Amino acid sequence: MAQALRPNTAGSLFATDGRPHPVQHALLAVTLVLGVVAFVTAMFPSLHLISSWTGLAGILTGAYGQWISETTRERFGLVLGLGASAVGFFLGMAQGGLFGGLF
């Protein structure tokens, strides 16, 4: 009868282990915000500095977050943030790069 007392989270995409992960959740939030900023600013060629730097920061925080993540929910959000950061970073690099064509 122990099965009736535990919730079934094994089949859920967003399954959690029931423990708090404050560092992982902070990295998830930062990666998602940086990814959205990088992706949106990449649509404007004059904002290539913002998109390339936020994209690079989002890639780095997302990669570290993937390394220390413990649940599927964290990994799912980190992959979304990493993808948006990478698109913003690459488009920002194509439009002028990290230093705005100084070199």
Protein backbone atom coordinates (compact mmCIF):
# COMPACT_ATOMS: atom_id res chain seq x y z
CA MET A 1 0.00 0.00 0.00
CA ALA A 2 2.98 2.33 -0.04
CA GLN A 3 2.32 3.05 -3.71
CA ALA A 4 -0.94 4.78 -2.88
CA LEU A 5 0.78 7.31 -0.65
CA ARG A 6 3.35 8.53 -3.18
CA PRO A 7 2.37 10.68 -6.16
CA ASN A 8 3.23 9.25 -9.54
CA THR A 9 5.69 11.72 -11.07
CA ALA A 10 7.69 9.19 -13.08
CA GLY A 11 5.57 9.63 -16.21
CA SER A 12 5.46 13.41 -16.16
CA LEU A 13 7.73 15.48 -18.41
CA PHE A 14 8.12 17.98 -15.61
CA ALA A 15 8.78 15.42 -12.89
CA THR A 16 10.62 16.65 -9.84
CA ASP A 17 12.30 14.84 -7.03
CA GLY A 18 10.51 16.88 -4.37
CA ARG A 19 13.64 18.65 -3.13
CA PRO A 20 14.49 22.34 -3.59
CA HIS A 21 17.20 23.24 -6.10
CA PRO A 22 17.69 27.01 -5.69
CA VAL A 23 20.95 27.26 -7.67
CA GLN A 24 19.59 25.24 -10.58
CA HIS A 25 16.35 27.23 -10.67
CA ALA A 26 18.27 30.52 -10.59
CA LEU A 27 20.42 29.37 -13.50
CA LEU A 28 17.28 28.28 -15.34
CA ALA A 29 15.66 31.70 -14.88
CA VAL A 30 18.80 33.59 -15.87
CA THR A 31 19.31 31.43 -18.95
CA LEU A 32 15.71 31.89 -20.08
CA VAL A 33 15.84 35.67 -19.61
CA LEU A 34 19.17 35.98 -21.41
CA GLY A 35 17.89 33.75 -24.20
CA VAL A 36 14.77 35.83 -24.73
CA VAL A 37 16.75 39.09 -24.71
CA ALA A 38 19.35 37.69 -27.12
CA PHE A 39 16.71 36.29 -29.46
CA VAL A 40 14.61 39.45 -29.56
CA THR A 41 17.51 41.87 -29.94
CA ALA A 42 18.99 39.72 -32.72
CA MET A 43 16.06 40.78 -34.91
CA PHE A 44 17.45 44.32 -34.98
CA PRO A 45 20.88 44.65 -36.65
CA SER A 46 21.75 47.79 -34.70
CA LEU A 47 21.48 45.85 -31.40
CA HIS A 48 24.08 43.25 -32.32
CA LEU A 49 26.24 44.10 -29.29
CA ILE A 50 23.41 43.30 -26.90
CA SER A 51 22.37 40.14 -28.72
CA SER A 52 25.88 38.75 -29.01
CA TRP A 53 26.87 39.43 -25.39
CA THR A 54 23.60 38.25 -23.86
CA GLY A 55 23.68 35.22 -26.14
CA LEU A 56 27.20 34.35 -25.01
CA ALA A 57 26.26 34.79 -21.36
CA GLY A 58 23.13 32.67 -21.88
CA ILE A 59 25.15 29.91 -23.50
CA LEU A 60 27.62 29.87 -20.60
CA THR A 61 24.98 29.92 -17.85
CA GLY A 62 22.89 27.34 -19.68
CA ALA A 63 25.85 25.02 -20.15
CA TYR A 64 26.74 25.21 -16.47
CA GLY A 65 23.09 24.73 -15.57
CA GLN A 66 22.94 21.60 -17.73
CA TRP A 67 26.03 20.30 -16.00
CA ILE A 68 24.54 20.61 -12.49
CA SER A 69 20.84 20.07 -13.28
CA GLU A 70 19.06 17.26 -11.50
CA THR A 71 15.52 17.12 -12.92
CA THR A 72 13.90 16.97 -16.31
CA ARG A 73 12.09 20.26 -15.67
CA GLU A 74 15.41 22.07 -15.27
CA ARG A 75 16.93 20.45 -18.35
CA PHE A 76 13.88 21.21 -20.49
CA GLY A 77 13.93 24.93 -19.65
CA LEU A 78 17.69 25.12 -20.00
CA VAL A 79 17.56 23.63 -23.49
CA LEU A 80 14.99 26.24 -24.52
CA GLY A 81 17.12 29.04 -23.08
CA LEU A 82 20.27 27.63 -24.64
CA GLY A 83 18.62 27.45 -28.05
CA ALA A 84 17.36 31.03 -27.91
CA SER A 85 20.74 32.22 -26.61
CA ALA A 86 22.59 30.42 -29.39
CA VAL A 87 20.36 31.87 -32.11
CA GLY A 88 20.77 35.36 -30.66
CA PHE A 89 24.51 34.91 -30.29
CA PHE A 90 25.05 33.64 -33.83
CA LEU A 91 22.85 36.32 -35.42
CA GLY A 92 24.58 38.98 -33.32
CA MET A 93 27.95 37.69 -34.47
CA ALA A 94 26.81 37.74 -38.09
CA GLN A 95 25.62 41.35 -37.76
CA GLY A 96 28.76 42.80 -36.21
CA GLY A 97 30.08 40.68 -33.38
CA LEU A 98 31.00 41.18 -29.77
CA PHE A 99 33.01 44.34 -30.25
CA GLY A 100 31.05 46.10 -32.96
CA GLY A 101 33.59 45.78 -35.74
CA LEU A 102 36.42 47.46 -33.85
CA PHE A 103 38.90 44.80 -34.87
